[in-house]
PDB file of N, CA and C in Angstrom:
ATOM      1  N   MET A   1     108.784  90.991  72.608  1.00  0.00           N
ATOM      2  CA  MET A   1     107.745  90.640  73.555  1.00  0.00           C
ATOM      3  C   MET A   1     107.569  91.803  74.524  1.00  0.00           C
ATOM      4  N   ALA A   2     106.361  92.118  74.835  1.00  0.00           N
ATOM      5  CA  ALA A   2     106.074  93.237  75.731  1.00  0.00           C
ATOM      6  C   ALA A   2     106.579  92.947  77.141  1.00  0.00           C
ATOM      7  N   PHE A   3     106.969  94.015  77.812  1.00  0.00           N
ATOM      8  CA  PHE A   3     107.513  93.895  79.169  1.00  0.00           C
ATOM      9  C   PHE A   3     106.523  93.217  80.105  1.00  0.00           C
ATOM     10  N   ILE A   4     105.286  93.644  80.055  1.00  0.00           N
ATOM     11  CA  ILE A   4     104.284  93.108  80.980  1.00  0.00           C
ATOM     12  C   ILE A   4     104.029  91.624  80.707  1.00  0.00           C
ATOM     13  N   HIS A   5     104.120  91.224  79.443  1.00  0.00           N
ATOM     14  CA  HIS A   5     103.928  89.817  79.086  1.00  0.00           C
ATOM     15  C   HIS A   5     105.083  88.971  79.620  1.00  0.00           C
ATOM     16  N   LYS A   6     106.312  89.461  79.478  1.00  0.00           N
ATOM     17  CA  LYS A   6     107.468  88.742  80.020  1.00  0.00           C
ATOM     18  C   LYS A   6     107.374  88.629  81.538  1.00  0.00           C
ATOM     19  N   LYS A   7     106.892  89.689  82.175  1.00  0.00           N
ATOM     20  CA  LYS A   7     106.762  89.682  83.631  1.00  0.00           C
ATOM     21  C   LYS A   7     105.740  88.643  84.088  1.00  0.00           C
ATOM     22  N   ARG A   8     104.628  88.556  83.377  1.00  0.00           N
ATOM     23  CA  ARG A   8     103.601  87.566  83.734  1.00  0.00           C
ATOM     24  C   ARG A   8     104.096  86.146  83.518  1.00  0.00           C
ATOM     25  N   ILE A   9     104.803  85.900  82.423  1.00  0.00           N
ATOM     26  CA  ILE A   9     105.341  84.565  82.166  1.00  0.00           C
ATOM     27  C   ILE A   9     106.356  84.183  83.234  1.00  0.00           C
ATOM     28  N   LEU A  10     107.248  85.101  83.569  1.00  0.00           N
ATOM     29  CA  LEU A  10     108.250  84.834  84.603  1.00  0.00           C
ATOM     30  C   LEU A  10     107.591  84.511  85.938  1.00  0.00           C
ATOM     31  N   THR A  11     106.602  85.300  86.326  1.00  0.00           N
ATOM     32  CA  THR A  11     105.910  85.061  87.591  1.00  0.00           C
ATOM     33  C   THR A  11     105.219  83.707  87.589  1.00  0.00           C
ATOM     34  N   SER A  12     104.565  83.361  86.493  1.00  0.00           N
ATOM     35  CA  SER A  12     103.870  82.075  86.407  1.00  0.00           C
ATOM     36  C   SER A  12     104.840  80.905  86.471  1.00  0.00           C
ATOM     37  N   VAL A  13     105.951  81.002  85.756  1.00  0.00           N
ATOM     38  CA  VAL A  13     106.937  79.915  85.742  1.00  0.00           C
ATOM     39  C   VAL A  13     107.564  79.739  87.122  1.00  0.00           C
ATOM     40  N   LEU A  14     107.917  80.837  87.776  1.00  0.00           N
ATOM     41  CA  LEU A  14     108.542  80.729  89.095  1.00  0.00           C
ATOM     42  C   LEU A  14     107.563  80.208  90.146  1.00  0.00           C
ATOM     43  N   LEU A  15     106.301  80.603  90.067  1.00  0.00           N
ATOM     44  CA  LEU A  15     105.313  80.060  91.009  1.00  0.00           C
ATOM     45  C   LEU A  15     105.068  78.574  90.776  1.00  0.00           C
ATOM     46  N   LEU A  16     105.044  78.162  89.511  1.00  0.00           N
ATOM     47  CA  LEU A  16     104.881  76.746  89.208  1.00  0.00           C
ATOM     48  C   LEU A  16     106.086  75.939  89.696  1.00  0.00           C
ATOM     49  N   ALA A  17     107.280  76.470  89.506  1.00  0.00           N
ATOM     50  CA  ALA A  17     108.484  75.787  89.995  1.00  0.00           C
ATOM     51  C   ALA A  17     108.446  75.666  91.514  1.00  0.00           C
ATOM     52  N   TRP A  18     108.031  76.720  92.189  1.00  0.00           N
ATOM     53  CA  TRP A  18     107.936  76.686  93.648  1.00  0.00           C
ATOM     54  C   TRP A  18     106.931  75.628  94.095  1.00  0.00           C
ATOM     55  N   LEU A  19     105.806  75.560  93.434  1.00  0.00           N
ATOM     56  CA  LEU A  19     104.785  74.575  93.778  1.00  0.00           C
ATOM     57  C   LEU A  19     105.307  73.155  93.594  1.00  0.00           C
ATOM     58  N   LEU A  20     105.885  72.887  92.436  1.00  0.00           N
ATOM     59  CA  LEU A  20     106.343  71.525  92.134  1.00  0.00           C
ATOM     60  C   LEU A  20     107.496  71.082  93.023  1.00  0.00           C
ATOM     61  N   ILE A  21     108.445  71.964  93.248  1.00  0.00           N
ATOM     62  CA  ILE A  21     109.614  71.572  94.024  1.00  0.00           C
ATOM     63  C   ILE A  21     109.315  71.553  95.521  1.00  0.00           C
ATOM     64  N   SER A  22     108.398  72.388  95.974  1.00  0.00           N
ATOM     65  CA  SER A  22     108.066  72.390  97.399  1.00  0.00           C
ATOM     66  C   SER A  22     107.255  71.165  97.806  1.00  0.00           C
ATOM     67  N   PHE A  23     106.272  70.798  96.987  1.00  0.00           N
ATOM     68  CA  PHE A  23     105.386  69.707  97.367  1.00  0.00           C
ATOM     69  C   PHE A  23     105.795  68.357  96.781  1.00  0.00           C
ATOM     70  N   GLY A  24     106.486  68.360  95.674  1.00  0.00           N
ATOM     71  CA  GLY A  24     106.856  67.114  95.005  1.00  0.00           C
ATOM     72  C   GLY A  24     107.715  66.180  95.843  1.00  0.00           C
ATOM     73  N   PRO A  25     108.915  66.611  96.248  1.00  0.00           N
ATOM     74  CA  PRO A  25     109.776  65.709  97.018  1.00  0.00           C
ATOM     75  C   PRO A  25     109.169  65.277  98.352  1.00  0.00           C
ATOM     76  N   SER A  26     108.506  66.187  99.039  1.00  0.00           N
ATOM     77  CA  SER A  26     107.945  65.809 100.339  1.00  0.00           C
ATOM     78  C   SER A  26     106.767  64.853 100.180  1.00  0.00           C
ATOM     79  N   PHE A  27     106.041  64.950  99.090  1.00  0.00           N
ATOM     80  CA  PHE A  27     104.908  64.055  98.866  1.00  0.00           C
ATOM     81  C   PHE A  27     105.381  62.658  98.475  1.00  0.00           C
ATOM     82  N   PHE A  28     106.371  62.588  97.572  1.00  0.00           N
ATOM     83  CA  PHE A  28     106.821  61.298  97.084  1.00  0.00           C
ATOM     84  C   PHE A  28     107.895  60.661  97.967  1.00  0.00           C
ATOM     85  N   ALA A  29     108.424  61.387  98.921  1.00  0.00           N
ATOM     86  CA  ALA A  29     109.489  60.853  99.755  1.00  0.00           C
ATOM     87  C   ALA A  29     108.984  60.324 101.092  1.00  0.00           C
ATOM     88  N   ARG A  30     107.704  60.079 101.205  1.00  0.00           N
ATOM     89  CA  ARG A  30     107.158  59.586 102.475  1.00  0.00           C
ATOM     90  C   ARG A  30     107.677  58.189 102.829  1.00  0.00           C
ATOM     91  N   GLU A  31     108.182  57.486 101.825  1.00  0.00           N
ATOM     92  CA  GLU A  31     108.717  56.153 102.091  1.00  0.00           C
ATOM     93  C   GLU A  31     110.069  56.212 102.798  1.00  0.00           C
ATOM     94  N   LEU A  32     110.682  57.388 102.846  1.00  0.00           N
ATOM     95  CA  LEU A  32     111.955  57.523 103.549  1.00  0.00           C
ATOM     96  C   LEU A  32     111.676  57.506 105.043  1.00  0.00           C
ATOM     97  N   SER A  33     111.940  56.396 105.662  1.00  0.00           N
ATOM     98  CA  SER A  33     111.606  56.256 107.077  1.00  0.00           C
ATOM     99  C   SER A  33     112.789  56.587 107.985  1.00  0.00           C
ATOM    100  N   VAL A  34     113.801  57.207 107.446  1.00  0.00           N
ATOM    101  CA  VAL A  34     114.960  57.587 108.241  1.00  0.00           C
ATOM    102  C   VAL A  34     114.582  58.764 109.132  1.00  0.00           C
ATOM    103  N   LEU A  35     114.963  58.687 110.396  1.00  0.00           N
ATOM    104  CA  LEU A  35     114.682  59.775 111.326  1.00  0.00           C
ATOM    105  C   LEU A  35     115.924  60.638 111.504  1.00  0.00           C
ATOM    106  N   VAL A  36     115.729  61.953 111.461  1.00  0.00           N
ATOM    107  CA  VAL A  36     116.802  62.917 111.697  1.00  0.00           C
ATOM    108  C   VAL A  36     116.372  63.763 112.875  1.00  0.00           C
ATOM    109  N   TRP A  37     117.030  63.604 114.020  1.00  0.00           N
ATOM    110  CA  TRP A  37     116.692  64.294 115.260  1.00  0.00           C
ATOM    111  C   TRP A  37     115.227  64.128 115.628  1.00  0.00           C
ATOM    112  N   GLY A  38     114.714  62.945 115.405  1.00  0.00           N
ATOM    113  CA  GLY A  38     113.349  62.634 115.788  1.00  0.00           C
ATOM    114  C   GLY A  38     112.287  62.987 114.757  1.00  0.00           C
ATOM    115  N   TRP A  39     112.674  63.533 113.634  1.00  0.00           N
ATOM    116  CA  TRP A  39     111.736  63.905 112.583  1.00  0.00           C
ATOM    117  C   TRP A  39     112.029  63.087 111.336  1.00  0.00           C
ATOM    118  N   PRO A  40     111.011  62.755 110.557  1.00  0.00           N
ATOM    119  CA  PRO A  40     111.232  62.000 109.326  1.00  0.00           C
ATOM    120  C   PRO A  40     112.061  62.813 108.327  1.00  0.00           C
ATOM    121  N   LEU A  41     112.836  62.117 107.508  1.00  0.00           N
ATOM    122  CA  LEU A  41     113.709  62.771 106.543  1.00  0.00           C
ATOM    123  C   LEU A  41     112.921  63.617 105.548  1.00  0.00           C
ATOM    124  N   TYR A  42     111.735  63.161 105.131  1.00  0.00           N
ATOM    125  CA  TYR A  42     110.973  63.941 104.159  1.00  0.00           C
ATOM    126  C   TYR A  42     110.551  65.291 104.735  1.00  0.00           C
ATOM    127  N   PHE A  43     110.369  65.365 106.055  1.00  0.00           N
ATOM    128  CA  PHE A  43     110.051  66.646 106.686  1.00  0.00           C
ATOM    129  C   PHE A  43     111.198  67.627 106.493  1.00  0.00           C
ATOM    130  N   TRP A  44     112.424  67.143 106.714  1.00  0.00           N
ATOM    131  CA  TRP A  44     113.591  68.015 106.555  1.00  0.00           C
ATOM    132  C   TRP A  44     113.781  68.424 105.104  1.00  0.00           C
ATOM    133  N   MET A  45     113.518  67.499 104.179  1.00  0.00           N
ATOM    134  CA  MET A  45     113.645  67.830 102.761  1.00  0.00           C
ATOM    135  C   MET A  45     112.666  68.939 102.383  1.00  0.00           C
ATOM    136  N   ALA A  46     111.456  68.853 102.857  1.00  0.00           N
ATOM    137  CA  ALA A  46     110.446  69.856 102.527  1.00  0.00           C
ATOM    138  C   ALA A  46     110.748  71.194 103.200  1.00  0.00           C
ATOM    139  N   ALA A  47     111.108  71.146 104.474  1.00  0.00           N
ATOM    140  CA  ALA A  47     111.334  72.382 105.214  1.00  0.00           C
ATOM    141  C   ALA A  47     112.545  73.149 104.690  1.00  0.00           C
ATOM    142  N   GLN A  48     113.681  72.486 104.578  1.00  0.00           N
ATOM    143  CA  GLN A  48     114.895  73.165 104.143  1.00  0.00           C
ATOM    144  C   GLN A  48     114.867  73.470 102.648  1.00  0.00           C
ATOM    145  N   GLY A  49     114.363  72.542 101.866  1.00  0.00           N
ATOM    146  CA  GLY A  49     114.324  72.746 100.422  1.00  0.00           C
ATOM    147  C   GLY A  49     113.419  73.888 100.014  1.00  0.00           C
ATOM    148  N   SER A  50     112.278  74.029 100.663  1.00  0.00           N
ATOM    149  CA  SER A  50     111.362  75.094 100.284  1.00  0.00           C
ATOM    150  C   SER A  50     111.927  76.469 100.635  1.00  0.00           C
ATOM    151  N   ILE A  51     112.659  76.567 101.732  1.00  0.00           N
ATOM    152  CA  ILE A  51     113.274  77.847 102.096  1.00  0.00           C
ATOM    153  C   ILE A  51     114.359  78.218 101.095  1.00  0.00           C
ATOM    154  N   LEU A  52     115.227  77.271 100.768  1.00  0.00           N
ATOM    155  CA  LEU A  52     116.292  77.553  99.794  1.00  0.00           C
ATOM    156  C   LEU A  52     115.722  77.878  98.423  1.00  0.00           C
ATOM    157  N   LEU A  53     114.690  77.163  98.024  1.00  0.00           N
ATOM    158  CA  LEU A  53     114.069  77.431  96.736  1.00  0.00           C
ATOM    159  C   LEU A  53     113.426  78.812  96.724  1.00  0.00           C
ATOM    160  N   PHE A  54     112.762  79.189  97.796  1.00  0.00           N
ATOM    161  CA  PHE A  54     112.135  80.507  97.856  1.00  0.00           C
ATOM    162  C   PHE A  54     113.181  81.607  97.727  1.00  0.00           C
ATOM    163  N   ILE A  55     114.299  81.471  98.406  1.00  0.00           N
ATOM    164  CA  ILE A  55     115.373  82.460  98.295  1.00  0.00           C
ATOM    165  C   ILE A  55     115.896  82.518  96.862  1.00  0.00           C
ATOM    166  N   GLY A  56     116.074  81.363  96.238  1.00  0.00           N
ATOM    167  CA  GLY A  56     116.526  81.323  94.848  1.00  0.00           C
ATOM    168  C   GLY A  56     115.537  81.982  93.902  1.00  0.00           C
ATOM    169  N   ILE A  57     114.253  81.754  94.110  1.00  0.00           N
ATOM    170  CA  ILE A  57     113.225  82.357  93.261  1.00  0.00           C
ATOM    171  C   ILE A  57     113.231  83.880  93.413  1.00  0.00           C
ATOM    172  N   VAL A  58     113.376  84.371  94.626  1.00  0.00           N
ATOM    173  CA  VAL A  58     113.420  85.813  94.848  1.00  0.00           C
ATOM    174  C   VAL A  58     114.630  86.429  94.153  1.00  0.00           C
ATOM    175  N   VAL A  59     115.779  85.763  94.232  1.00  0.00           N
ATOM    176  CA  VAL A  59     116.993  86.269  93.584  1.00  0.00           C
ATOM    177  C   VAL A  59     116.830  86.289  92.069  1.00  0.00           C
ATOM    178  N   VAL A  60     116.321  85.207  91.490  1.00  0.00           N
ATOM    179  CA  VAL A  60     116.119  85.147  90.041  1.00  0.00           C
ATOM    180  C   VAL A  60     115.135  86.218  89.592  1.00  0.00           C
ATOM    181  N   TYR A  61     114.035  86.369  90.308  1.00  0.00           N
ATOM    182  CA  TYR A  61     113.027  87.364  89.940  1.00  0.00           C
ATOM    183  C   TYR A  61     113.611  88.769  90.002  1.00  0.00           C
ATOM    184  N   ALA A  62     114.306  89.095  91.084  1.00  0.00           N
ATOM    185  CA  ALA A  62     114.868  90.438  91.235  1.00  0.00           C
ATOM    186  C   ALA A  62     115.912  90.717  90.162  1.00  0.00           C
ATOM    187  N   TRP A  63     116.776  89.752  89.876  1.00  0.00           N
ATOM    188  CA  TRP A  63     117.816  89.940  88.873  1.00  0.00           C
ATOM    189  C   TRP A  63     117.219  90.163  87.488  1.00  0.00           C
ATOM    190  N   LEU A  64     116.264  89.311  87.093  1.00  0.00           N
ATOM    191  CA  LEU A  64     115.652  89.459  85.773  1.00  0.00           C
ATOM    192  C   LEU A  64     114.839  90.743  85.649  1.00  0.00           C
ATOM    193  N   MET A  65     114.087  91.093  86.690  1.00  0.00           N
ATOM    194  CA  MET A  65     113.281  92.306  86.610  1.00  0.00           C
ATOM    195  C   MET A  65     114.170  93.549  86.536  1.00  0.00           C
ATOM    196  N   ASN A  66     115.259  93.590  87.296  1.00  0.00           N
ATOM    197  CA  ASN A  66     116.185  94.721  87.200  1.00  0.00           C
ATOM    198  C   ASN A  66     116.777  94.817  85.798  1.00  0.00           C
ATOM    199  N   ARG A  67     117.142  93.692  85.243  1.00  0.00           N
ATOM    200  CA  ARG A  67     117.714  93.673  83.896  1.00  0.00           C
ATOM    201  C   ARG A  67     116.689  94.150  82.854  1.00  0.00           C
ATOM    202  N   TRP A  68     115.471  93.635  82.924  1.00  0.00           N
ATOM    203  CA  TRP A  68     114.439  93.997  81.952  1.00  0.00           C
ATOM    204  C   TRP A  68     114.025  95.452  82.100  1.00  0.00           C
ATOM    205  N   GLU A  69     113.929  95.936  83.338  1.00  0.00           N
ATOM    206  CA  GLU A  69     113.575  97.337  83.540  1.00  0.00           C
ATOM    207  C   GLU A  69     114.668  98.258  83.017  1.00  0.00           C
ATOM    208  N   ALA A  70     115.918  97.889  83.176  1.00  0.00           N
ATOM    209  CA  ALA A  70     117.017  98.686  82.634  1.00  0.00           C
ATOM    210  C   ALA A  70     116.964  98.703  81.107  1.00  0.00           C
ATOM    211  N   GLN A  71     116.626  97.587  80.498  1.00  0.00           N
ATOM    212  CA  GLN A  71     116.497  97.541  79.041  1.00  0.00           C
ATOM    213  C   GLN A  71     115.353  98.430  78.566  1.00  0.00           C
ATOM    214  N   GLU A  72     114.231  98.395  79.263  1.00  0.00           N
ATOM    215  CA  GLU A  72     113.087  99.227  78.886  1.00  0.00           C
ATOM    216  C   GLU A  72     113.424 100.710  79.043  1.00  0.00           C
ATOM    217  N   THR A  73     114.111 101.065  80.117  1.00  0.00           N
ATOM    218  CA  THR A  73     114.488 102.454  80.348  1.00  0.00           C
ATOM    219  C   THR A  73     115.487 102.923  79.298  1.00  0.00           C
ATOM    220  N   ALA A  74     116.464 102.062  78.950  1.00  0.00           N
ATOM    221  CA  ALA A  74     117.452 102.424  77.939  1.00  0.00           C
ATOM    222  C   ALA A  74     116.811 102.604  76.571  1.00  0.00           C
ATOM    223  N   ALA A  75     115.739 101.881  76.297  1.00  0.00           N
ATOM    224  CA  ALA A  75     115.052 101.992  75.019  1.00  0.00           C
ATOM    225  C   ALA A  75     114.085 103.189  75.015  1.00  0.00           C
ATOM    226  N   GLY A  76     113.937 103.870  76.143  1.00  0.00           N
ATOM    227  CA  GLY A  76     113.076 105.041  76.216  1.00  0.00           C
ATOM    228  C   GLY A  76     111.602 104.718  76.389  1.00  0.00           C
ATOM    229  N   ARG A  77     111.293 103.502  76.757  1.00  0.00           N
ATOM    230  CA  ARG A  77     109.890 103.117  76.971  1.00  0.00           C
ATOM    231  C   ARG A  77     109.546 103.229  78.452  1.00  0.00           C
ATOM    232  N   ASP A  78     108.302 103.575  78.717  1.00  0.00           N
ATOM    233  CA  ASP A  78     107.825 103.634  80.094  1.00  0.00           C
ATOM    234  C   ASP A  78     107.621 102.224  80.623  1.00  0.00           C
ATOM    235  N   ILE A  79     107.894 102.061  81.911  1.00  0.00           N
ATOM    236  CA  ILE A  79     107.695 100.763  82.558  1.00  0.00           C
ATOM    237  C   ILE A  79     106.282 100.747  83.123  1.00  0.00           C
ATOM    238  N   PRO A  80     105.420  99.819  82.662  1.00  0.00           N
ATOM    239  CA  PRO A  80     104.056  99.774  83.179  1.00  0.00           C
ATOM    240  C   PRO A  80     104.025  99.384  84.657  1.00  0.00           C
ATOM    241  N   GLN A  81     103.142  99.996  85.391  1.00  0.00           N
ATOM    242  CA  GLN A  81     103.002  99.684  86.811  1.00  0.00           C
ATOM    243  C   GLN A  81     101.926  98.629  86.994  1.00  0.00           C
ATOM    244  N   GLY A  82     102.083  97.845  88.043  1.00  0.00           N
ATOM    245  CA  GLY A  82     101.078  96.826  88.355  1.00  0.00           C
ATOM    246  C   GLY A  82     101.395  95.491  87.711  1.00  0.00           C
ATOM    247  N   TRP A  83     100.443  94.608  87.765  1.00  0.00           N
ATOM    248  CA  TRP A  83     100.598  93.243  87.264  1.00  0.00           C
ATOM    249  C   TRP A  83     100.703  93.314  85.790  1.00  0.00           C
TER     250      TRP A  83
END
């Protein structure tokens, strides 16, 4: 599979995961009427969960891209620039 194709698939999958995990629990958890320091529990789930997920997505993206770029360089192929 071409490097640029793998990069596009990875970006699409990670953005979709971010969308689903960021909005999913906070949207469906509105029935949680428990208050935490004066704020609804679903607010805390969305706020803290989205930050942790974003950090995880950045780590996964950086790790995979470094690995794939090293493989392309070792194979003697140029790494395409841009999207």
